[in-house]
């Protein structure tokens, strides 16, 4: 009888071990937050910058979140690619981090782009914004969309201004305007971001909302 009891106890303990029930925490599989794969880089999004909010007055294009952070009761920069400032009656500012250089080009409204480049689009439509892309290292825009299966692209002439990068580039905020933004690193020539964005809402002296997308 004692032998049977011993065997039963052994079998029960073995079952518990296999199922992970009742065992000490140190024997159970632990999942560390550091073991989780890094989230994929964001390519686009909508973000509202608030002039007076310590965190969301800037945005990070790597994850589409606020650029500042509270850390251990301190206020620190996390990743600030674009900022909203009240200076100049409301401006978008980039190139604000250490070693960062930037250029911002105001392309005007969707209707302005349609008029200059000749493609078909609805009034204040999204064709122009959507078609802005990098092709062979150059920014292009739709040329002809009469036949969607044979659409052609043309160089965006205003993109030439992206070569004029400087520290703390800025542009006045205009509701409904499309902007091109280039961010480079003076210490790392391989580091570069080109972003298109459109101002979709603006409350002067309070907040500006942009739709953005990496090219």
C-alpha atoms as a PDB file:
ATOM      1  CA  UNK A   1       0.000   0.000   0.000  1.00  0.00           C
ATOM      2  CA  UNK A   2       2.849   2.374   0.906  1.00  0.00           C
ATOM      3  CA  UNK A   3       4.500   1.610  -2.413  1.00  0.00           C
ATOM      4  CA  UNK A   4       1.290   2.429  -4.329  1.00  0.00           C
ATOM      5  CA  UNK A   5       0.878   5.714  -2.439  1.00  0.00           C
ATOM      6  CA  UNK A   6       4.437   6.682  -3.253  1.00  0.00           C
ATOM      7  CA  UNK A   7       3.891   5.937  -6.954  1.00  0.00           C
ATOM      8  CA  UNK A   8       0.627   7.916  -7.015  1.00  0.00           C
ATOM      9  CA  UNK A   9       2.310  10.917  -5.394  1.00  0.00           C
ATOM     10  CA  UNK A  10       5.077  10.727  -7.970  1.00  0.00           C
ATOM     11  CA  UNK A  11       2.605  10.559 -10.861  1.00  0.00           C
ATOM     12  CA  UNK A  12       0.587  13.470  -9.471  1.00  0.00           C
ATOM     13  CA  UNK A  13       3.697  15.605  -9.049  1.00  0.00           C
ATOM     14  CA  UNK A  14       4.763  14.724 -12.586  1.00  0.00           C
ATOM     15  CA  UNK A  15       1.376  15.767 -13.989  1.00  0.00           C
ATOM     16  CA  UNK A  16       1.538  19.078 -12.113  1.00  0.00           C
ATOM     17  CA  UNK A  17       4.982  19.702 -13.497  1.00  0.00           C
ATOM     18  CA  UNK A  18       3.795  19.077 -17.060  1.00  0.00           C
ATOM     19  CA  UNK A  19       0.753  21.302 -16.775  1.00  0.00           C
ATOM     20  CA  UNK A  20       2.515  24.032 -14.853  1.00  0.00           C
ATOM     21  CA  UNK A  21      -0.042  23.908 -12.016  1.00  0.00           C
ATOM     22  CA  UNK A  22       0.981  24.511  -8.462  1.00  0.00           C
ATOM     23  CA  UNK A  23       4.671  24.730  -9.169  1.00  0.00           C
ATOM     24  CA  UNK A  24       6.788  27.512  -7.708  1.00  0.00           C
ATOM     25  CA  UNK A  25       6.914  30.697  -9.793  1.00  0.00           C
ATOM     26  CA  UNK A  26      10.617  30.235 -10.442  1.00  0.00           C
ATOM     27  CA  UNK A  27       9.896  27.060 -12.392  1.00  0.00           C
ATOM     28  CA  UNK A  28       7.229  28.567 -14.612  1.00  0.00           C
ATOM     29  CA  UNK A  29       8.038  30.163 -17.941  1.00  0.00           C
ATOM     30  CA  UNK A  30       8.498  33.909 -17.547  1.00  0.00           C
ATOM     31  CA  UNK A  31       7.930  36.399 -20.364  1.00  0.00           C
ATOM     32  CA  UNK A  32       9.999  39.515 -19.983  1.00  0.00           C
ATOM     33  CA  UNK A  33       8.813  42.729 -21.654  1.00  0.00           C
ATOM     34  CA  UNK A  34      12.290  42.916 -23.169  1.00  0.00           C
ATOM     35  CA  UNK A  35      11.664  39.619 -24.973  1.00  0.00           C
ATOM     36  CA  UNK A  36       8.791  41.064 -27.000  1.00  0.00           C
ATOM     37  CA  UNK A  37       9.653  41.962 -30.600  1.00  0.00           C
ATOM     38  CA  UNK A  38       9.891  45.658 -31.330  1.00  0.00           C
ATOM     39  CA  UNK A  39       6.691  47.030 -32.892  1.00  0.00           C
ATOM     40  CA  UNK A  40       6.931  47.754 -36.636  1.00  0.00           C
ATOM     41  CA  UNK A  41       7.854  51.298 -37.573  1.00  0.00           C
ATOM     42  CA  UNK A  42       4.854  53.491 -38.256  1.00  0.00           C
ATOM     43  CA  UNK A  43       4.564  54.761 -41.804  1.00  0.00           C
ATOM     44  CA  UNK A  44       1.642  57.141 -41.432  1.00  0.00           C
ATOM     45  CA  UNK A  45      -0.917  58.500 -39.015  1.00  0.00           C
ATOM     46  CA  UNK A  46      -2.895  61.432 -37.665  1.00  0.00           C
ATOM     47  CA  UNK A  47      -1.553  63.416 -34.737  1.00  0.00           C
ATOM     48  CA  UNK A  48      -2.659  66.532 -32.870  1.00  0.00           C
ATOM     49  CA  UNK A  49       0.071  68.814 -31.572  1.00  0.00           C
ATOM     50  CA  UNK A  50      -0.945  70.941 -28.590  1.00  0.00           C
ATOM     51  CA  UNK A  51       0.955  74.164 -28.020  1.00  0.00           C
ATOM     52  CA  UNK A  52       0.654  74.080 -24.234  1.00  0.00           C
ATOM     53  CA  UNK A  53       0.887  70.341 -23.564  1.00  0.00           C
ATOM     54  CA  UNK A  54       4.378  69.411 -22.332  1.00  0.00           C
ATOM     55  CA  UNK A  55       4.300  66.031 -24.101  1.00  0.00           C
ATOM     56  CA  UNK A  56       2.343  66.387 -27.323  1.00  0.00           C
ATOM     57  CA  UNK A  57       3.736  69.716 -28.461  1.00  0.00           C
ATOM     58  CA  UNK A  58       6.052  67.543 -30.574  1.00  0.00           C
ATOM     59  CA  UNK A  59       5.553  64.291 -32.507  1.00  0.00           C
ATOM     60  CA  UNK A  60       7.898  61.394 -33.308  1.00  0.00           C
ATOM     61  CA  UNK A  61       7.518  59.914 -36.792  1.00  0.00           C
ATOM     62  CA  UNK A  62       9.081  56.606 -35.716  1.00  0.00           C
ATOM     63  CA  UNK A  63       5.943  55.603 -33.815  1.00  0.00           C
ATOM     64  CA  UNK A  64       3.488  58.462 -34.353  1.00  0.00           C
ATOM     65  CA  UNK A  65       3.383  59.353 -30.656  1.00  0.00           C
ATOM     66  CA  UNK A  66       4.207  62.406 -28.536  1.00  0.00           C
ATOM     67  CA  UNK A  67       7.852  63.384 -28.687  1.00  0.00           C
ATOM     68  CA  UNK A  68       8.341  64.370 -25.048  1.00  0.00           C
ATOM     69  CA  UNK A  69       8.031  62.215 -21.930  1.00  0.00           C
ATOM     70  CA  UNK A  70       7.861  62.379 -18.140  1.00  0.00           C
ATOM     71  CA  UNK A  71      10.631  60.156 -16.753  1.00  0.00           C
ATOM     72  CA  UNK A  72      11.334  59.752 -13.028  1.00  0.00           C
ATOM     73  CA  UNK A  73       9.585  63.028 -12.234  1.00  0.00           C
ATOM     74  CA  UNK A  74      11.548  64.761 -14.957  1.00  0.00           C
ATOM     75  CA  UNK A  75      10.620  66.171 -18.363  1.00  0.00           C
ATOM     76  CA  UNK A  76      12.692  64.791 -21.225  1.00  0.00           C
ATOM     77  CA  UNK A  77      12.836  64.657 -24.998  1.00  0.00           C
ATOM     78  CA  UNK A  78      12.011  61.196 -26.326  1.00  0.00           C
ATOM     79  CA  UNK A  79      11.991  61.687 -30.097  1.00  0.00           C
ATOM     80  CA  UNK A  80      10.872  65.028 -31.516  1.00  0.00           C
ATOM     81  CA  UNK A  81      10.703  65.273 -35.303  1.00  0.00           C
ATOM     82  CA  UNK A  82       8.094  68.010 -35.614  1.00  0.00           C
ATOM     83  CA  UNK A  83       6.953  70.703 -33.204  1.00  0.00           C
ATOM     84  CA  UNK A  84       4.139  73.242 -32.975  1.00  0.00           C
ATOM     85  CA  UNK A  85       5.153  76.667 -31.747  1.00  0.00           C
ATOM     86  CA  UNK A  86       3.145  79.840 -31.244  1.00  0.00           C
ATOM     87  CA  UNK A  87       5.990  81.896 -32.721  1.00  0.00           C
ATOM     88  CA  UNK A  88       5.202  83.570 -36.029  1.00  0.00           C
ATOM     89  CA  UNK A  89       1.465  83.369 -35.350  1.00  0.00           C
ATOM     90  CA  UNK A  90       1.712  79.576 -35.334  1.00  0.00           C
ATOM     91  CA  UNK A  91       4.448  77.564 -37.031  1.00  0.00           C
ATOM     92  CA  UNK A  92       5.582  74.014 -37.686  1.00  0.00           C
ATOM     93  CA  UNK A  93       9.205  73.527 -36.683  1.00  0.00           C
ATOM     94  CA  UNK A  94      11.641  70.696 -37.406  1.00  0.00           C
ATOM     95  CA  UNK A  95      15.336  70.022 -36.977  1.00  0.00           C
ATOM     96  CA  UNK A  96      15.056  70.730 -33.262  1.00  0.00           C
ATOM     97  CA  UNK A  97      17.009  67.771 -31.904  1.00  0.00           C
ATOM     98  CA  UNK A  98      20.774  67.701 -31.460  1.00  0.00           C
ATOM     99  CA  UNK A  99      22.594  67.276 -34.805  1.00  0.00           C
ATOM    100  CA  UNK A 100      19.304  67.388 -36.726  1.00  0.00           C
ATOM    101  CA  UNK A 101      18.898  69.516 -39.849  1.00  0.00           C
ATOM    102  CA  UNK A 102      15.637  70.025 -41.704  1.00  0.00           C
ATOM    103  CA  UNK A 103      13.756  71.700 -44.521  1.00  0.00           C
ATOM    104  CA  UNK A 104      10.010  72.354 -44.765  1.00  0.00           C
ATOM    105  CA  UNK A 105       8.283  73.197 -48.040  1.00  0.00           C
ATOM    106  CA  UNK A 106       4.683  74.459 -48.207  1.00  0.00           C
ATOM    107  CA  UNK A 107       3.066  73.005 -51.346  1.00  0.00           C
ATOM    108  CA  UNK A 108      -0.211  74.846 -50.901  1.00  0.00           C
ATOM    109  CA  UNK A 109      -3.671  73.295 -50.994  1.00  0.00           C
ATOM    110  CA  UNK A 110      -4.725  70.164 -52.909  1.00  0.00           C
ATOM    111  CA  UNK A 111      -6.369  72.485 -55.433  1.00  0.00           C
ATOM    112  CA  UNK A 112      -3.099  74.403 -55.840  1.00  0.00           C
ATOM    113  CA  UNK A 113      -1.241  71.173 -56.642  1.00  0.00           C
ATOM    114  CA  UNK A 114      -3.925  70.044 -59.076  1.00  0.00           C
ATOM    115  CA  UNK A 115      -3.707  73.367 -60.903  1.00  0.00           C
ATOM    116  CA  UNK A 116       0.076  73.249 -61.189  1.00  0.00           C
ATOM    117  CA  UNK A 117       0.457  69.596 -62.216  1.00  0.00           C
ATOM    118  CA  UNK A 118      -2.665  68.941 -64.256  1.00  0.00           C
ATOM    119  CA  UNK A 119      -4.024  65.628 -62.950  1.00  0.00           C
ATOM    120  CA  UNK A 120      -7.719  65.034 -62.333  1.00  0.00           C
ATOM    121  CA  UNK A 121      -8.965  65.364 -58.765  1.00  0.00           C
ATOM    122  CA  UNK A 122     -12.065  66.426 -56.848  1.00  0.00           C
ATOM    123  CA  UNK A 123     -12.231  69.827 -55.183  1.00  0.00           C
ATOM    124  CA  UNK A 124      -9.821  69.623 -52.221  1.00  0.00           C
ATOM    125  CA  UNK A 125      -9.417  65.929 -53.033  1.00  0.00           C
ATOM    126  CA  UNK A 126      -6.721  63.513 -51.958  1.00  0.00           C
ATOM    127  CA  UNK A 127      -5.193  62.465 -55.279  1.00  0.00           C
ATOM    128  CA  UNK A 128      -2.251  64.861 -55.107  1.00  0.00           C
ATOM    129  CA  UNK A 129      -1.339  64.064 -51.513  1.00  0.00           C
ATOM    130  CA  UNK A 130      -1.671  60.328 -52.095  1.00  0.00           C
ATOM    131  CA  UNK A 131       0.463  60.387 -55.238  1.00  0.00           C
ATOM    132  CA  UNK A 132       3.482  62.101 -53.665  1.00  0.00           C
ATOM    133  CA  UNK A 133       6.189  59.452 -53.522  1.00  0.00           C
ATOM    134  CA  UNK A 134       9.924  58.788 -53.755  1.00  0.00           C
ATOM    135  CA  UNK A 135      11.069  57.395 -57.076  1.00  0.00           C
ATOM    136  CA  UNK A 136      14.762  56.900 -57.678  1.00  0.00           C
ATOM    137  CA  UNK A 137      15.543  59.152 -54.735  1.00  0.00           C
ATOM    138  CA  UNK A 138      13.412  61.980 -56.115  1.00  0.00           C
ATOM    139  CA  UNK A 139       9.971  63.175 -55.035  1.00  0.00           C
ATOM    140  CA  UNK A 140       7.382  62.751 -57.778  1.00  0.00           C
ATOM    141  CA  UNK A 141       3.681  63.525 -58.183  1.00  0.00           C
ATOM    142  CA  UNK A 142       0.985  62.159 -60.458  1.00  0.00           C
ATOM    143  CA  UNK A 143       1.050  63.444 -64.025  1.00  0.00           C
ATOM    144  CA  UNK A 144      -1.800  61.695 -65.780  1.00  0.00           C
ATOM    145  CA  UNK A 145      -4.514  59.542 -64.249  1.00  0.00           C
ATOM    146  CA  UNK A 146      -6.925  59.306 -67.189  1.00  0.00           C
ATOM    147  CA  UNK A 147      -6.199  55.574 -67.220  1.00  0.00           C
ATOM    148  CA  UNK A 148      -5.556  54.317 -63.650  1.00  0.00           C
ATOM    149  CA  UNK A 149      -3.778  51.218 -64.952  1.00  0.00           C
ATOM    150  CA  UNK A 150      -1.310  53.410 -66.862  1.00  0.00           C
ATOM    151  CA  UNK A 151      -0.816  56.327 -64.467  1.00  0.00           C
ATOM    152  CA  UNK A 152       2.368  58.327 -64.959  1.00  0.00           C
ATOM    153  CA  UNK A 153       4.382  60.457 -62.565  1.00  0.00           C
ATOM    154  CA  UNK A 154       6.384  63.663 -62.948  1.00  0.00           C
ATOM    155  CA  UNK A 155       9.048  65.344 -60.807  1.00  0.00           C
ATOM    156  CA  UNK A 156       7.771  67.604 -58.031  1.00  0.00           C
ATOM    157  CA  UNK A 157       9.577  70.858 -58.783  1.00  0.00           C
ATOM    158  CA  UNK A 158       9.196  72.233 -55.250  1.00  0.00           C
ATOM    159  CA  UNK A 159      11.167  69.269 -53.899  1.00  0.00           C
ATOM    160  CA  UNK A 160      14.366  71.047 -54.958  1.00  0.00           C
ATOM    161  CA  UNK A 161      13.920  73.250 -51.886  1.00  0.00           C
ATOM    162  CA  UNK A 162      14.442  70.199 -49.657  1.00  0.00           C
ATOM    163  CA  UNK A 163      18.175  70.467 -50.286  1.00  0.00           C
ATOM    164  CA  UNK A 164      18.283  73.692 -48.271  1.00  0.00           C
ATOM    165  CA  UNK A 165      18.393  72.041 -44.867  1.00  0.00           C
ATOM    166  CA  UNK A 166      19.196  73.989 -41.735  1.00  0.00           C
ATOM    167  CA  UNK A 167      18.816  73.810 -38.008  1.00  0.00           C
ATOM    168  CA  UNK A 168      15.278  74.561 -36.835  1.00  0.00           C
ATOM    169  CA  UNK A 169      13.458  74.923 -40.137  1.00  0.00           C
ATOM    170  CA  UNK A 170       9.961  76.356 -39.845  1.00  0.00           C
ATOM    171  CA  UNK A 171       6.867  77.176 -41.878  1.00  0.00           C
ATOM    172  CA  UNK A 172       3.675  79.091 -41.032  1.00  0.00           C
ATOM    173  CA  UNK A 173       0.660  76.870 -40.375  1.00  0.00           C
ATOM    174  CA  UNK A 174      -2.018  77.081 -43.058  1.00  0.00           C
ATOM    175  CA  UNK A 175      -5.205  75.051 -42.741  1.00  0.00           C
ATOM    176  CA  UNK A 176      -5.581  72.610 -45.624  1.00  0.00           C
ATOM    177  CA  UNK A 177      -2.018  73.038 -46.871  1.00  0.00           C
ATOM    178  CA  UNK A 178       0.267  70.148 -47.796  1.00  0.00           C
ATOM    179  CA  UNK A 179       3.885  70.233 -46.637  1.00  0.00           C
ATOM    180  CA  UNK A 180       7.020  68.273 -47.461  1.00  0.00           C
ATOM    181  CA  UNK A 181       9.518  67.782 -44.675  1.00  0.00           C
ATOM    182  CA  UNK A 182      13.061  66.476 -44.858  1.00  0.00           C
ATOM    183  CA  UNK A 183      15.024  65.623 -41.716  1.00  0.00           C
ATOM    184  CA  UNK A 184      18.729  64.787 -41.866  1.00  0.00           C
ATOM    185  CA  UNK A 185      21.517  64.197 -39.363  1.00  0.00           C
ATOM    186  CA  UNK A 186      24.672  66.291 -39.570  1.00  0.00           C
ATOM    187  CA  UNK A 187      26.690  63.454 -38.000  1.00  0.00           C
ATOM    188  CA  UNK A 188      25.147  60.555 -39.920  1.00  0.00           C
ATOM    189  CA  UNK A 189      24.775  61.126 -43.656  1.00  0.00           C
ATOM    190  CA  UNK A 190      22.816  57.887 -44.069  1.00  0.00           C
ATOM    191  CA  UNK A 191      20.056  59.093 -41.735  1.00  0.00           C
ATOM    192  CA  UNK A 192      17.205  60.802 -43.554  1.00  0.00           C
ATOM    193  CA  UNK A 193      13.432  61.071 -43.379  1.00  0.00           C
ATOM    194  CA  UNK A 194      11.149  62.630 -45.985  1.00  0.00           C
ATOM    195  CA  UNK A 195       7.600  63.135 -44.807  1.00  0.00           C
ATOM    196  CA  UNK A 196       4.472  64.505 -46.433  1.00  0.00           C
ATOM    197  CA  UNK A 197       1.783  65.998 -44.240  1.00  0.00           C
ATOM    198  CA  UNK A 198      -1.420  67.956 -44.546  1.00  0.00           C
ATOM    199  CA  UNK A 199      -2.936  70.252 -41.926  1.00  0.00           C
ATOM    200  CA  UNK A 200      -6.470  68.917 -41.416  1.00  0.00           C
ATOM    201  CA  UNK A 201      -7.476  70.990 -38.376  1.00  0.00           C
ATOM    202  CA  UNK A 202      -6.097  74.128 -36.774  1.00  0.00           C
ATOM    203  CA  UNK A 203      -7.118  76.069 -33.691  1.00  0.00           C
ATOM    204  CA  UNK A 204      -4.692  79.012 -33.468  1.00  0.00           C
ATOM    205  CA  UNK A 205      -2.797  79.302 -30.185  1.00  0.00           C
ATOM    206  CA  UNK A 206      -4.132  75.903 -29.123  1.00  0.00           C
ATOM    207  CA  UNK A 207      -3.641  72.900 -31.429  1.00  0.00           C
ATOM    208  CA  UNK A 208      -2.906  71.722 -34.958  1.00  0.00           C
ATOM    209  CA  UNK A 209      -3.784  68.298 -36.374  1.00  0.00           C
ATOM    210  CA  UNK A 210      -1.806  66.792 -39.249  1.00  0.00           C
ATOM    211  CA  UNK A 211      -2.097  63.691 -41.369  1.00  0.00           C
ATOM    212  CA  UNK A 212       1.436  62.490 -42.076  1.00  0.00           C
ATOM    213  CA  UNK A 213       3.110  59.762 -44.087  1.00  0.00           C
ATOM    214  CA  UNK A 214       6.730  58.748 -44.623  1.00  0.00           C
ATOM    215  CA  UNK A 215       7.863  58.686 -48.236  1.00  0.00           C
END
